[in-house]
Amino acid sequence: MSENFITAAPAPEAEELLKRFVDLAHPRLGTQVTFATDDFFADKARMIQPGPALFYPDRFDDNGKWMDGWESRRKRVPGHDHALVKLGQRGVIHAIDIDTSFFTGNFPPHAEIEAADTVEEPGEGDWTTIVPKAALKGDSHNLFDIAERGPWRWLRLHIHPDGGVARLRVYGTVAKDWADVSPQEEVDLASLLNGGTAVAWNDAHYGHPANMLAPGTAPVMADGWETARRRVPGNDWCVLKLGTAGTVERVHIDTRHFKGNFPDRFTLRAKRLGSDPSADVIEEASADWPLLVTETKLSADDQIEITTVEPLGPVTHVRLDIFPDGGVSRLRLFGRREA
């Protein structure tokens, strides 16, 4: 018999934050929770799981109530608990959400976050406070703007004195050092690992457009970009920002797992922009960008390599149009950075 459960709602600001940033704490970037002083009730690794926190009213384990997050025991000695997070990619942090969803009588009253930028595990002298000790609300999203933005490689989350955190979301950008990349080296200019991100879209009902830029192949359909079934004229679209200005030379598009719901065809448009347009104007502006890839048919659960694209020179943004709707698992834009 299946268990009943409740799903936590995202932070009200999450959609807008994800139009500018990625979650640097996402495991697909290689992020790990490497240490916790105590995770007796709930494993520290759950804190960075990509999905929303879940609550199972009737689920218990050998240690007590099962909770979806990191939860320590009630502290009976002086001090407080903390957890150490190693970011998979060095990044610039703009905002952090300490999510206490479903933690009501067991959330930490206060929290503090420090950051460090060492290659190896930081020593005590390496830490900088980026979220001073602050009060938390239970069963809530506790969002903090970050002034000391980094870049950083490590985070240390202190909870005072103990309790549970459902999710830790770290909104920022990957700090790729493009000086280390030769202009002659072919790279995926749109990869999340290279600082690529999705900045605008008209529909992300089943999956976020940034999923297409994630490393590796998608393990399931939910790890791609998928829109709702379109019931009005037109088509769905998203705009992606490359990690750096570069010339796209070949394209890989993947509809893995999408069988009865793949797009019929697609186009790619591209443009070099001097600044990031606001999301409310980018739809109309990007519709007139030059074509990088002309209208091309897609098929179910398939991969296409396009080795001939229009010679547009260095670009910073790409618009993917799918006709009329559906899902794309991965999109790779291989090329060379601007010299």
C-alpha atoms as a PDB file:
ATOM      1  CA  MET A   1       0.000   0.000   0.000  1.00  0.00           C
ATOM      2  CA  SER A   2       1.387   3.407  -0.967  1.00  0.00           C
ATOM      3  CA  GLU A   3       1.964   6.058   1.688  1.00  0.00           C
ATOM      4  CA  ASN A   4       0.193   9.392   1.722  1.00  0.00           C
ATOM      5  CA  PHE A   5       2.504  12.386   1.660  1.00  0.00           C
ATOM      6  CA  ILE A   6       2.498  16.181   1.408  1.00  0.00           C
ATOM      7  CA  THR A   7       4.866  18.142  -0.864  1.00  0.00           C
ATOM      8  CA  ALA A   8       6.394  21.414   0.271  1.00  0.00           C
ATOM      9  CA  ALA A   9       5.731  24.533  -1.797  1.00  0.00           C
ATOM     10  CA  PRO A  10       8.721  26.347  -3.350  1.00  0.00           C
ATOM     11  CA  ALA A  11       9.808  29.713  -2.065  1.00  0.00           C
ATOM     12  CA  PRO A  12       7.742  32.498  -3.684  1.00  0.00           C
ATOM     13  CA  GLU A  13      10.980  34.022  -4.985  1.00  0.00           C
ATOM     14  CA  ALA A  14      12.352  30.764  -6.403  1.00  0.00           C
ATOM     15  CA  GLU A  15      11.112  31.116  -9.983  1.00  0.00           C
ATOM     16  CA  GLU A  16      12.562  34.613 -10.369  1.00  0.00           C
ATOM     17  CA  LEU A  17      15.845  33.574  -8.740  1.00  0.00           C
ATOM     18  CA  LEU A  18      16.148  30.640 -11.145  1.00  0.00           C
ATOM     19  CA  LYS A  19      15.808  33.026 -14.088  1.00  0.00           C
ATOM     20  CA  ARG A  20      19.112  34.594 -13.026  1.00  0.00           C
ATOM     21  CA  PHE A  21      20.929  31.903 -11.078  1.00  0.00           C
ATOM     22  CA  VAL A  22      21.390  28.166 -10.592  1.00  0.00           C
ATOM     23  CA  ASP A  23      21.252  26.206  -7.347  1.00  0.00           C
ATOM     24  CA  LEU A  24      24.931  25.740  -6.572  1.00  0.00           C
ATOM     25  CA  ALA A  25      23.998  23.163  -3.907  1.00  0.00           C
ATOM     26  CA  HIS A  26      22.440  20.818  -6.474  1.00  0.00           C
ATOM     27  CA  PRO A  27      24.046  17.322  -6.376  1.00  0.00           C
ATOM     28  CA  ARG A  28      24.296  17.186 -10.178  1.00  0.00           C
ATOM     29  CA  LEU A  29      26.971  19.890  -9.957  1.00  0.00           C
ATOM     30  CA  GLY A  30      28.935  17.596  -7.652  1.00  0.00           C
ATOM     31  CA  THR A  31      27.921  19.242  -4.370  1.00  0.00           C
ATOM     32  CA  GLN A  32      28.136  17.078  -1.241  1.00  0.00           C
ATOM     33  CA  VAL A  33      27.368  17.443   2.447  1.00  0.00           C
ATOM     34  CA  THR A  34      30.642  16.083   3.755  1.00  0.00           C
ATOM     35  CA  PHE A  35      30.139  16.339   7.526  1.00  0.00           C
ATOM     36  CA  ALA A  36      27.590  17.012  10.233  1.00  0.00           C
ATOM     37  CA  THR A  37      28.103  17.068  13.977  1.00  0.00           C
ATOM     38  CA  ASP A  38      24.899  15.038  14.321  1.00  0.00           C
ATOM     39  CA  ASP A  39      22.326  13.663  11.877  1.00  0.00           C
ATOM     40  CA  PHE A  40      20.670  11.128  14.158  1.00  0.00           C
ATOM     41  CA  PHE A  41      17.091  11.747  13.016  1.00  0.00           C
ATOM     42  CA  ALA A  42      17.603  12.643   9.354  1.00  0.00           C
ATOM     43  CA  ASP A  43      20.601  12.187   7.032  1.00  0.00           C
ATOM     44  CA  LYS A  44      22.567  15.346   6.258  1.00  0.00           C
ATOM     45  CA  ALA A  45      22.585  14.468   2.521  1.00  0.00           C
ATOM     46  CA  ARG A  46      18.804  14.960   2.269  1.00  0.00           C
ATOM     47  CA  MET A  47      19.310  18.692   2.799  1.00  0.00           C
ATOM     48  CA  ILE A  48      20.539  19.203  -0.795  1.00  0.00           C
ATOM     49  CA  GLN A  49      18.170  16.833  -2.590  1.00  0.00           C
ATOM     50  CA  PRO A  50      16.849  18.571  -5.730  1.00  0.00           C
ATOM     51  CA  GLY A  51      13.155  17.882  -5.236  1.00  0.00           C
ATOM     52  CA  PRO A  52      10.929  19.670  -2.724  1.00  0.00           C
ATOM     53  CA  ALA A  53      10.758  18.305   0.802  1.00  0.00           C
ATOM     54  CA  LEU A  54       8.112  15.641   1.441  1.00  0.00           C
ATOM     55  CA  PHE A  55       6.203  14.883   4.613  1.00  0.00           C
ATOM     56  CA  TYR A  56       4.909  11.376   5.349  1.00  0.00           C
ATOM     57  CA  PRO A  57       2.555  11.613   8.352  1.00  0.00           C
ATOM     58  CA  ASP A  58       2.818   7.932   9.263  1.00  0.00           C
ATOM     59  CA  ARG A  59       6.473   7.176   8.431  1.00  0.00           C
ATOM     60  CA  PHE A  60       8.812   6.277  11.298  1.00  0.00           C
ATOM     61  CA  ASP A  61      12.191   4.544  11.453  1.00  0.00           C
ATOM     62  CA  ASP A  62      14.320   3.077  14.238  1.00  0.00           C
ATOM     63  CA  ASN A  63      15.268   6.542  15.516  1.00  0.00           C
ATOM     64  CA  GLY A  64      11.829   8.123  15.484  1.00  0.00           C
ATOM     65  CA  LYS A  65       9.821  10.244  13.055  1.00  0.00           C
ATOM     66  CA  TRP A  66      11.212  10.145   9.504  1.00  0.00           C
ATOM     67  CA  MET A  67      11.867  13.653   8.206  1.00  0.00           C
ATOM     68  CA  ASP A  68      12.966  14.781   4.762  1.00  0.00           C
ATOM     69  CA  GLY A  69      15.986  16.932   5.541  1.00  0.00           C
ATOM     70  CA  TRP A  70      18.849  17.136   8.011  1.00  0.00           C
ATOM     71  CA  GLU A  71      17.815  16.754  11.650  1.00  0.00           C
ATOM     72  CA  SER A  72      19.986  16.439  14.747  1.00  0.00           C
ATOM     73  CA  ARG A  73      19.104  15.233  18.232  1.00  0.00           C
ATOM     74  CA  ARG A  74      17.957  17.512  21.027  1.00  0.00           C
ATOM     75  CA  LYS A  75      21.168  18.946  22.430  1.00  0.00           C
ATOM     76  CA  ARG A  76      21.807  18.214  26.114  1.00  0.00           C
ATOM     77  CA  VAL A  77      25.285  19.785  26.346  1.00  0.00           C
ATOM     78  CA  PRO A  78      26.647  23.263  25.556  1.00  0.00           C
ATOM     79  CA  GLY A  79      27.290  24.144  21.922  1.00  0.00           C
ATOM     80  CA  HIS A  80      25.398  23.762  18.670  1.00  0.00           C
ATOM     81  CA  ASP A  81      25.313  21.626  15.526  1.00  0.00           C
ATOM     82  CA  HIS A  82      26.752  22.389  12.126  1.00  0.00           C
ATOM     83  CA  ALA A  83      27.113  20.811   8.692  1.00  0.00           C
ATOM     84  CA  LEU A  84      29.827  21.202   6.066  1.00  0.00           C
ATOM     85  CA  VAL A  85      28.895  21.571   2.381  1.00  0.00           C
ATOM     86  CA  LYS A  86      31.450  21.240  -0.418  1.00  0.00           C
ATOM     87  CA  LEU A  87      30.169  22.940  -3.564  1.00  0.00           C
ATOM     88  CA  GLY A  88      30.694  20.891  -6.700  1.00  0.00           C
ATOM     89  CA  GLN A  89      31.538  24.052  -8.633  1.00  0.00           C
ATOM     90  CA  ARG A  90      33.191  27.179  -7.292  1.00  0.00           C
ATOM     91  CA  GLY A  91      30.514  29.829  -7.371  1.00  0.00           C
ATOM     92  CA  VAL A  92      29.380  33.386  -6.697  1.00  0.00           C
ATOM     93  CA  ILE A  93      26.455  33.318  -4.241  1.00  0.00           C
ATOM     94  CA  HIS A  94      23.625  35.868  -4.395  1.00  0.00           C
ATOM     95  CA  ALA A  95      20.962  34.365  -2.109  1.00  0.00           C
ATOM     96  CA  ILE A  96      20.472  31.383   0.206  1.00  0.00           C
ATOM     97  CA  ASP A  97      17.223  29.731   1.297  1.00  0.00           C
ATOM     98  CA  ILE A  98      17.288  27.846   4.605  1.00  0.00           C
ATOM     99  CA  ASP A  99      14.064  25.889   4.134  1.00  0.00           C
ATOM    100  CA  THR A 100      12.447  24.483   7.294  1.00  0.00           C
ATOM    101  CA  SER A 101       9.390  22.972   5.563  1.00  0.00           C
ATOM    102  CA  PHE A 102       7.525  20.551   7.879  1.00  0.00           C
ATOM    103  CA  PHE A 103       9.846  21.286  10.799  1.00  0.00           C
ATOM    104  CA  THR A 104       7.488  22.904  13.297  1.00  0.00           C
ATOM    105  CA  GLY A 105       8.408  22.072  16.914  1.00  0.00           C
ATOM    106  CA  ASN A 106      11.855  20.897  15.874  1.00  0.00           C
ATOM    107  CA  PHE A 107      13.343  23.670  13.701  1.00  0.00           C
ATOM    108  CA  PRO A 108      16.464  25.601  14.776  1.00  0.00           C
ATOM    109  CA  PRO A 109      15.587  28.997  16.305  1.00  0.00           C
ATOM    110  CA  HIS A 110      18.695  30.538  14.724  1.00  0.00           C
ATOM    111  CA  ALA A 111      21.183  29.793  11.949  1.00  0.00           C
ATOM    112  CA  GLU A 112      24.443  31.197  10.601  1.00  0.00           C
ATOM    113  CA  ILE A 113      26.394  30.460   7.412  1.00  0.00           C
ATOM    114  CA  GLU A 114      30.118  30.793   6.751  1.00  0.00           C
ATOM    115  CA  ALA A 115      31.933  30.367   3.422  1.00  0.00           C
ATOM    116  CA  ALA A 116      35.483  29.576   2.353  1.00  0.00           C
ATOM    117  CA  ASP A 117      37.426  29.352  -0.907  1.00  0.00           C
ATOM    118  CA  THR A 118      40.118  26.785  -0.182  1.00  0.00           C
ATOM    119  CA  VAL A 119      40.829  23.803  -2.409  1.00  0.00           C
ATOM    120  CA  GLU A 120      41.135  21.451   0.563  1.00  0.00           C
ATOM    121  CA  GLU A 121      38.818  21.406   3.599  1.00  0.00           C
ATOM    122  CA  PRO A 122      39.069  24.853   5.264  1.00  0.00           C
ATOM    123  CA  GLY A 123      40.804  25.547   8.546  1.00  0.00           C
ATOM    124  CA  GLU A 124      39.236  27.743  11.191  1.00  0.00           C
ATOM    125  CA  GLY A 125      41.000  30.827   9.858  1.00  0.00           C
ATOM    126  CA  ASP A 126      39.638  30.365   6.330  1.00  0.00           C
ATOM    127  CA  TRP A 127      35.963  31.053   7.056  1.00  0.00           C
ATOM    128  CA  THR A 128      34.036  34.260   6.286  1.00  0.00           C
ATOM    129  CA  THR A 129      30.546  34.870   7.676  1.00  0.00           C
ATOM    130  CA  ILE A 130      28.077  35.441   4.825  1.00  0.00           C
ATOM    131  CA  VAL A 131      24.849  35.031   6.840  1.00  0.00           C
ATOM    132  CA  PRO A 132      25.264  36.396  10.388  1.00  0.00           C
ATOM    133  CA  LYS A 133      23.370  34.562  13.114  1.00  0.00           C
ATOM    134  CA  ALA A 134      19.705  35.135  12.317  1.00  0.00           C
ATOM    135  CA  ALA A 135      16.310  33.993  13.569  1.00  0.00           C
ATOM    136  CA  LEU A 136      14.530  31.285  11.561  1.00  0.00           C
ATOM    137  CA  LYS A 137      10.837  30.557  11.165  1.00  0.00           C
ATOM    138  CA  GLY A 138       9.572  27.001  11.287  1.00  0.00           C
ATOM    139  CA  ASP A 139       7.889  25.345   8.299  1.00  0.00           C
ATOM    140  CA  SER A 140       9.046  28.289   6.166  1.00  0.00           C
ATOM    141  CA  HIS A 141      11.463  29.497   3.538  1.00  0.00           C
ATOM    142  CA  ASN A 142      14.082  31.692   5.204  1.00  0.00           C
ATOM    143  CA  LEU A 143      15.689  33.651   2.371  1.00  0.00           C
ATOM    144  CA  PHE A 144      18.872  35.667   2.854  1.00  0.00           C
ATOM    145  CA  ASP A 145      20.555  38.056   0.401  1.00  0.00           C
ATOM    146  CA  ILE A 146      24.317  37.630   0.361  1.00  0.00           C
ATOM    147  CA  ALA A 147      26.651  40.640   0.458  1.00  0.00           C
ATOM    148  CA  GLU A 148      29.949  38.677   0.606  1.00  0.00           C
ATOM    149  CA  ARG A 149      29.323  36.888  -2.686  1.00  0.00           C
ATOM    150  CA  GLY A 150      32.659  35.177  -3.187  1.00  0.00           C
ATOM    151  CA  PRO A 151      33.462  33.130  -5.199  1.00  0.00           C
ATOM    152  CA  TRP A 152      33.313  30.284  -2.675  1.00  0.00           C
ATOM    153  CA  ARG A 153      33.974  26.530  -2.636  1.00  0.00           C
ATOM    154  CA  TRP A 154      32.728  25.598   0.857  1.00  0.00           C
ATOM    155  CA  LEU A 155      29.791  26.437   3.153  1.00  0.00           C
ATOM    156  CA  ARG A 156      29.359  25.773   6.856  1.00  0.00           C
ATOM    157  CA  LEU A 157      25.770  25.886   8.113  1.00  0.00           C
ATOM    158  CA  HIS A 158      25.435  26.402  11.865  1.00  0.00           C
ATOM    159  CA  ILE A 159      22.107  25.710  13.553  1.00  0.00           C
ATOM    160  CA  HIS A 160      21.592  27.030  17.084  1.00  0.00           C
ATOM    161  CA  PRO A 161      21.357  24.869  19.051  1.00  0.00           C
ATOM    162  CA  ASP A 162      19.919  21.872  17.138  1.00  0.00           C
ATOM    163  CA  GLY A 163      16.941  20.799  15.020  1.00  0.00           C
ATOM    164  CA  GLY A 164      16.038  20.267  11.404  1.00  0.00           C
ATOM    165  CA  VAL A 165      16.548  21.924   8.002  1.00  0.00           C
ATOM    166  CA  ALA A 166      14.563  20.494   5.097  1.00  0.00           C
ATOM    167  CA  ARG A 167      16.516  21.985   2.198  1.00  0.00           C
ATOM    168  CA  LEU A 168      19.455  24.320   1.606  1.00  0.00           C
ATOM    169  CA  ARG A 169      19.216  26.236  -1.680  1.00  0.00           C
ATOM    170  CA  VAL A 170      22.218  28.282  -2.798  1.00  0.00           C
ATOM    171  CA  TYR A 171      21.356  30.649  -5.653  1.00  0.00           C
ATOM    172  CA  GLY A 172      24.323  31.895  -7.656  1.00  0.00           C
ATOM    173  CA  THR A 173      26.491  31.471 -10.729  1.00  0.00           C
ATOM    174  CA  VAL A 174      29.336  29.096 -11.501  1.00  0.00           C
ATOM    175  CA  ALA A 175      32.643  30.979 -11.341  1.00  0.00           C
ATOM    176  CA  LYS A 176      34.303  29.499 -14.394  1.00  0.00           C
ATOM    177  CA  ASP A 177      37.826  30.801 -15.041  1.00  0.00           C
ATOM    178  CA  TRP A 178      37.748  31.118 -18.814  1.00  0.00           C
ATOM    179  CA  ALA A 179      41.369  32.290 -18.878  1.00  0.00           C
ATOM    180  CA  ASP A 180      42.269  28.633 -18.321  1.00  0.00           C
ATOM    181  CA  VAL A 181      40.396  27.612 -21.495  1.00  0.00           C
ATOM    182  CA  SER A 182      42.179  27.994 -24.818  1.00  0.00           C
ATOM    183  CA  PRO A 183      40.217  29.744 -27.601  1.00  0.00           C
ATOM    184  CA  GLN A 184      41.100  26.701 -29.713  1.00  0.00           C
ATOM    185  CA  GLU A 185      39.522  24.216 -27.275  1.00  0.00           C
ATOM    186  CA  GLU A 186      36.028  22.955 -28.054  1.00  0.00           C
ATOM    187  CA  VAL A 187      33.714  23.191 -25.036  1.00  0.00           C
ATOM    188  CA  ASP A 188      29.991  23.047 -24.288  1.00  0.00           C
ATOM    189  CA  LEU A 189      29.352  26.778 -24.018  1.00  0.00           C
ATOM    190  CA  ALA A 190      25.912  26.284 -22.441  1.00  0.00           C
ATOM    191  CA  SER A 191      26.773  23.648 -19.828  1.00  0.00           C
ATOM    192  CA  LEU A 192      25.832  24.380 -16.230  1.00  0.00           C
ATOM    193  CA  LEU A 193      29.392  23.393 -15.351  1.00  0.00           C
ATOM    194  CA  ASN A 194      30.651  26.214 -17.568  1.00  0.00           C
ATOM    195  CA  GLY A 195      28.272  28.833 -16.170  1.00  0.00           C
ATOM    196  CA  GLY A 196      25.395  28.415 -18.624  1.00  0.00           C
ATOM    197  CA  THR A 197      21.869  28.978 -17.360  1.00  0.00           C
ATOM    198  CA  ALA A 198      18.264  29.507 -18.429  1.00  0.00           C
ATOM    199  CA  VAL A 199      17.135  33.128 -18.138  1.00  0.00           C
ATOM    200  CA  ALA A 200      13.592  33.158 -19.578  1.00  0.00           C
ATOM    201  CA  TRP A 201      10.865  30.754 -20.691  1.00  0.00           C
ATOM    202  CA  ASN A 202       7.145  30.703 -21.309  1.00  0.00           C
ATOM    203  CA  ASP A 203       6.336  27.346 -19.705  1.00  0.00           C
ATOM    204  CA  ALA A 204       8.127  24.929 -17.379  1.00  0.00           C
ATOM    205  CA  HIS A 205       5.170  22.911 -16.135  1.00  0.00           C
ATOM    206  CA  TYR A 206       6.962  19.566 -15.811  1.00  0.00           C
ATOM    207  CA  GLY A 207      10.658  20.485 -15.841  1.00  0.00           C
ATOM    208  CA  HIS A 208      12.944  23.535 -15.684  1.00  0.00           C
ATOM    209  CA  PRO A 209      14.816  24.577 -18.875  1.00  0.00           C
ATOM    210  CA  ALA A 210      18.143  24.610 -17.001  1.00  0.00           C
ATOM    211  CA  ASN A 211      17.795  20.821 -16.684  1.00  0.00           C
ATOM    212  CA  MET A 212      18.809  20.571 -20.353  1.00  0.00           C
ATOM    213  CA  LEU A 213      22.209  22.043 -19.514  1.00  0.00           C
ATOM    214  CA  ALA A 214      23.030  19.607 -16.704  1.00  0.00           C
ATOM    215  CA  PRO A 215      25.997  17.243 -17.002  1.00  0.00           C
ATOM    216  CA  GLY A 216      25.543  13.647 -18.119  1.00  0.00           C
ATOM    217  CA  THR A 217      22.461  12.045 -19.587  1.00  0.00           C
ATOM    218  CA  ALA A 218      19.072  12.476 -17.971  1.00  0.00           C
ATOM    219  CA  PRO A 219      18.204   9.509 -15.735  1.00  0.00           C
ATOM    220  CA  VAL A 220      14.456  10.150 -16.046  1.00  0.00           C
ATOM    221  CA  MET A 221      12.063  12.299 -18.041  1.00  0.00           C
ATOM    222  CA  ALA A 222      11.666  14.761 -15.153  1.00  0.00           C
ATOM    223  CA  ASP A 223      15.339  15.749 -15.540  1.00  0.00           C
ATOM    224  CA  GLY A 224      14.646  17.612 -18.788  1.00  0.00           C
ATOM    225  CA  TRP A 225      12.634  20.642 -19.867  1.00  0.00           C
ATOM    226  CA  GLU A 226       8.988  19.773 -20.504  1.00  0.00           C
ATOM    227  CA  THR A 227       6.038  22.075 -21.099  1.00  0.00           C
ATOM    228  CA  ALA A 228       2.325  21.493 -20.619  1.00  0.00           C
ATOM    229  CA  ARG A 229       0.198  20.417 -23.583  1.00  0.00           C
ATOM    230  CA  ARG A 230      -0.385  23.519 -25.665  1.00  0.00           C
ATOM    231  CA  ARG A 231      -4.076  24.304 -26.281  1.00  0.00           C
ATOM    232  CA  VAL A 232      -3.658  27.682 -28.002  1.00  0.00           C
ATOM    233  CA  PRO A 233      -1.844  28.805 -31.172  1.00  0.00           C
ATOM    234  CA  GLY A 234       1.903  29.382 -31.030  1.00  0.00           C
ATOM    235  CA  ASN A 235       4.813  27.415 -29.595  1.00  0.00           C
ATOM    236  CA  ASP A 236       6.936  27.117 -26.464  1.00  0.00           C
ATOM    237  CA  TRP A 237      10.390  28.649 -26.034  1.00  0.00           C
ATOM    238  CA  CYS A 238      13.227  29.345 -23.636  1.00  0.00           C
ATOM    239  CA  VAL A 239      16.277  31.617 -23.659  1.00  0.00           C
ATOM    240  CA  LEU A 240      19.650  30.371 -22.444  1.00  0.00           C
ATOM    241  CA  LYS A 241      22.683  32.407 -21.449  1.00  0.00           C
ATOM    242  CA  LEU A 242      26.065  30.904 -22.374  1.00  0.00           C
ATOM    243  CA  GLY A 243      28.849  30.706 -19.828  1.00  0.00           C
ATOM    244  CA  THR A 244      30.878  33.112 -21.974  1.00  0.00           C
ATOM    245  CA  ALA A 245      30.700  34.690 -25.406  1.00  0.00           C
ATOM    246  CA  GLY A 246      31.608  32.078 -27.990  1.00  0.00           C
ATOM    247  CA  THR A 247      31.040  30.730 -31.471  1.00  0.00           C
ATOM    248  CA  VAL A 248      28.689  27.737 -31.630  1.00  0.00           C
ATOM    249  CA  GLU A 249      29.929  25.189 -34.167  1.00  0.00           C
ATOM    250  CA  ARG A 250      27.789  22.114 -33.531  1.00  0.00           C
ATOM    251  CA  VAL A 251      24.648  21.217 -31.604  1.00  0.00           C
ATOM    252  CA  HIS A 252      23.515  18.097 -29.767  1.00  0.00           C
ATOM    253  CA  ILE A 253      19.812  17.841 -28.874  1.00  0.00           C
ATOM    254  CA  ASP A 254      18.449  14.867 -26.963  1.00  0.00           C
ATOM    255  CA  THR A 255      14.814  13.758 -26.458  1.00  0.00           C
ATOM    256  CA  ARG A 256      15.764  10.783 -24.263  1.00  0.00           C
ATOM    257  CA  HIS A 257      12.708   9.414 -22.349  1.00  0.00           C
ATOM    258  CA  PHE A 258      10.292  11.631 -24.313  1.00  0.00           C
ATOM    259  CA  LYS A 259       8.269   9.242 -26.469  1.00  0.00           C
ATOM    260  CA  GLY A 260       4.660  10.414 -26.780  1.00  0.00           C
ATOM    261  CA  ASN A 261       5.537  13.932 -25.708  1.00  0.00           C
ATOM    262  CA  PHE A 262       8.593  15.025 -27.715  1.00  0.00           C
ATOM    263  CA  PRO A 263       8.430  18.253 -29.781  1.00  0.00           C
ATOM    264  CA  ASP A 264       7.687  17.814 -33.462  1.00  0.00           C
ATOM    265  CA  ARG A 265      10.527  20.167 -34.472  1.00  0.00           C
ATOM    266  CA  PHE A 266      12.760  22.952 -33.169  1.00  0.00           C
ATOM    267  CA  THR A 267      14.805  26.007 -34.109  1.00  0.00           C
ATOM    268  CA  LEU A 268      17.719  27.787 -32.440  1.00  0.00           C
ATOM    269  CA  ARG A 269      18.284  31.542 -32.595  1.00  0.00           C
ATOM    270  CA  ALA A 270      21.307  33.343 -31.176  1.00  0.00           C
ATOM    271  CA  LYS A 271      22.559  36.845 -30.449  1.00  0.00           C
ATOM    272  CA  ARG A 272      25.451  38.632 -28.813  1.00  0.00           C
ATOM    273  CA  LEU A 273      24.120  40.935 -26.091  1.00  0.00           C
ATOM    274  CA  GLY A 274      26.000  43.578 -24.152  1.00  0.00           C
ATOM    275  CA  SER A 275      23.786  43.127 -21.080  1.00  0.00           C
ATOM    276  CA  ASP A 276      21.081  40.823 -19.801  1.00  0.00           C
ATOM    277  CA  PRO A 277      17.606  41.912 -20.953  1.00  0.00           C
ATOM    278  CA  SER A 278      14.827  41.731 -18.389  1.00  0.00           C
ATOM    279  CA  ALA A 279      12.624  38.650 -18.541  1.00  0.00           C
ATOM    280  CA  ASP A 280       9.543  40.723 -19.407  1.00  0.00           C
ATOM    281  CA  VAL A 281      11.040  41.999 -22.689  1.00  0.00           C
ATOM    282  CA  ILE A 282      13.211  39.111 -23.788  1.00  0.00           C
ATOM    283  CA  GLU A 283      10.415  37.095 -25.465  1.00  0.00           C
ATOM    284  CA  GLU A 284       9.669  39.706 -28.105  1.00  0.00           C
ATOM    285  CA  ALA A 285      13.318  40.662 -28.598  1.00  0.00           C
ATOM    286  CA  SER A 286      14.614  37.103 -28.927  1.00  0.00           C
ATOM    287  CA  ALA A 287      11.939  36.105 -31.460  1.00  0.00           C
ATOM    288  CA  ASP A 288      13.778  38.206 -34.060  1.00  0.00           C
ATOM    289  CA  TRP A 289      17.317  36.972 -33.361  1.00  0.00           C
ATOM    290  CA  PRO A 290      19.146  35.392 -36.331  1.00  0.00           C
ATOM    291  CA  LEU A 291      18.689  31.669 -36.848  1.00  0.00           C
ATOM    292  CA  LEU A 292      21.565  29.475 -35.710  1.00  0.00           C
ATOM    293  CA  VAL A 293      19.750  26.226 -36.628  1.00  0.00           C
ATOM    294  CA  THR A 294      16.830  26.314 -39.046  1.00  0.00           C
ATOM    295  CA  GLU A 295      13.623  24.371 -38.385  1.00  0.00           C
ATOM    296  CA  THR A 296      14.564  20.734 -37.813  1.00  0.00           C
ATOM    297  CA  LYS A 297      12.436  17.639 -37.171  1.00  0.00           C
ATOM    298  CA  LEU A 298      12.734  15.701 -33.945  1.00  0.00           C
ATOM    299  CA  SER A 299      11.765  12.136 -33.080  1.00  0.00           C
ATOM    300  CA  ALA A 300      10.970  10.150 -29.971  1.00  0.00           C
ATOM    301  CA  ASP A 301      13.646   9.138 -27.443  1.00  0.00           C
ATOM    302  CA  ASP A 302      16.420  10.149 -29.833  1.00  0.00           C
ATOM    303  CA  GLN A 303      19.655  12.130 -30.110  1.00  0.00           C
ATOM    304  CA  ILE A 304      20.534  14.448 -32.985  1.00  0.00           C
ATOM    305  CA  GLU A 305      23.943  15.892 -33.846  1.00  0.00           C
ATOM    306  CA  ILE A 306      23.920  18.995 -36.039  1.00  0.00           C
ATOM    307  CA  THR A 307      27.381  19.735 -37.377  1.00  0.00           C
ATOM    308  CA  THR A 308      26.460  22.569 -39.755  1.00  0.00           C
ATOM    309  CA  VAL A 309      25.104  25.741 -38.182  1.00  0.00           C
ATOM    310  CA  GLU A 310      24.715  29.294 -39.437  1.00  0.00           C
ATOM    311  CA  PRO A 311      27.967  31.317 -39.058  1.00  0.00           C
ATOM    312  CA  LEU A 312      26.870  33.969 -36.558  1.00  0.00           C
ATOM    313  CA  GLY A 313      30.212  34.522 -34.844  1.00  0.00           C
ATOM    314  CA  PRO A 314      30.482  34.976 -31.059  1.00  0.00           C
ATOM    315  CA  VAL A 315      27.111  35.007 -29.256  1.00  0.00           C
ATOM    316  CA  THR A 316      26.084  35.206 -25.605  1.00  0.00           C
ATOM    317  CA  HIS A 317      22.444  34.041 -25.654  1.00  0.00           C
ATOM    318  CA  VAL A 318      20.486  31.349 -27.494  1.00  0.00           C
ATOM    319  CA  ARG A 319      16.733  30.935 -27.916  1.00  0.00           C
ATOM    320  CA  LEU A 320      15.330  27.411 -28.300  1.00  0.00           C
ATOM    321  CA  ASP A 321      11.854  27.211 -29.881  1.00  0.00           C
ATOM    322  CA  ILE A 322      10.013  23.885 -29.776  1.00  0.00           C
ATOM    323  CA  PHE A 323       6.964  23.306 -31.969  1.00  0.00           C
ATOM    324  CA  PRO A 324       4.397  23.218 -30.630  1.00  0.00           C
ATOM    325  CA  ASP A 325       5.296  21.896 -27.145  1.00  0.00           C
ATOM    326  CA  GLY A 326       6.822  18.873 -25.388  1.00  0.00           C
ATOM    327  CA  GLY A 327      10.074  17.851 -23.763  1.00  0.00           C
ATOM    328  CA  VAL A 328      13.823  18.019 -24.414  1.00  0.00           C
ATOM    329  CA  SER A 329      16.220  16.070 -22.236  1.00  0.00           C
ATOM    330  CA  ARG A 330      19.579  17.694 -23.022  1.00  0.00           C
ATOM    331  CA  LEU A 331      20.941  20.490 -25.226  1.00  0.00           C
ATOM    332  CA  ARG A 332      24.672  20.858 -25.919  1.00  0.00           C
ATOM    333  CA  LEU A 333      26.116  23.867 -27.739  1.00  0.00           C
ATOM    334  CA  PHE A 334      29.680  22.993 -28.636  1.00  0.00           C
ATOM    335  CA  GLY A 335      32.029  25.720 -29.768  1.00  0.00           C
ATOM    336  CA  ARG A 336      34.980  27.931 -28.842  1.00  0.00           C
ATOM    337  CA  ARG A 337      35.181  30.889 -26.531  1.00  0.00           C
ATOM    338  CA  GLU A 338      35.898  34.308 -27.915  1.00  0.00           C
ATOM    339  CA  ALA A 339      39.631  35.004 -28.019  1.00  0.00           C
END
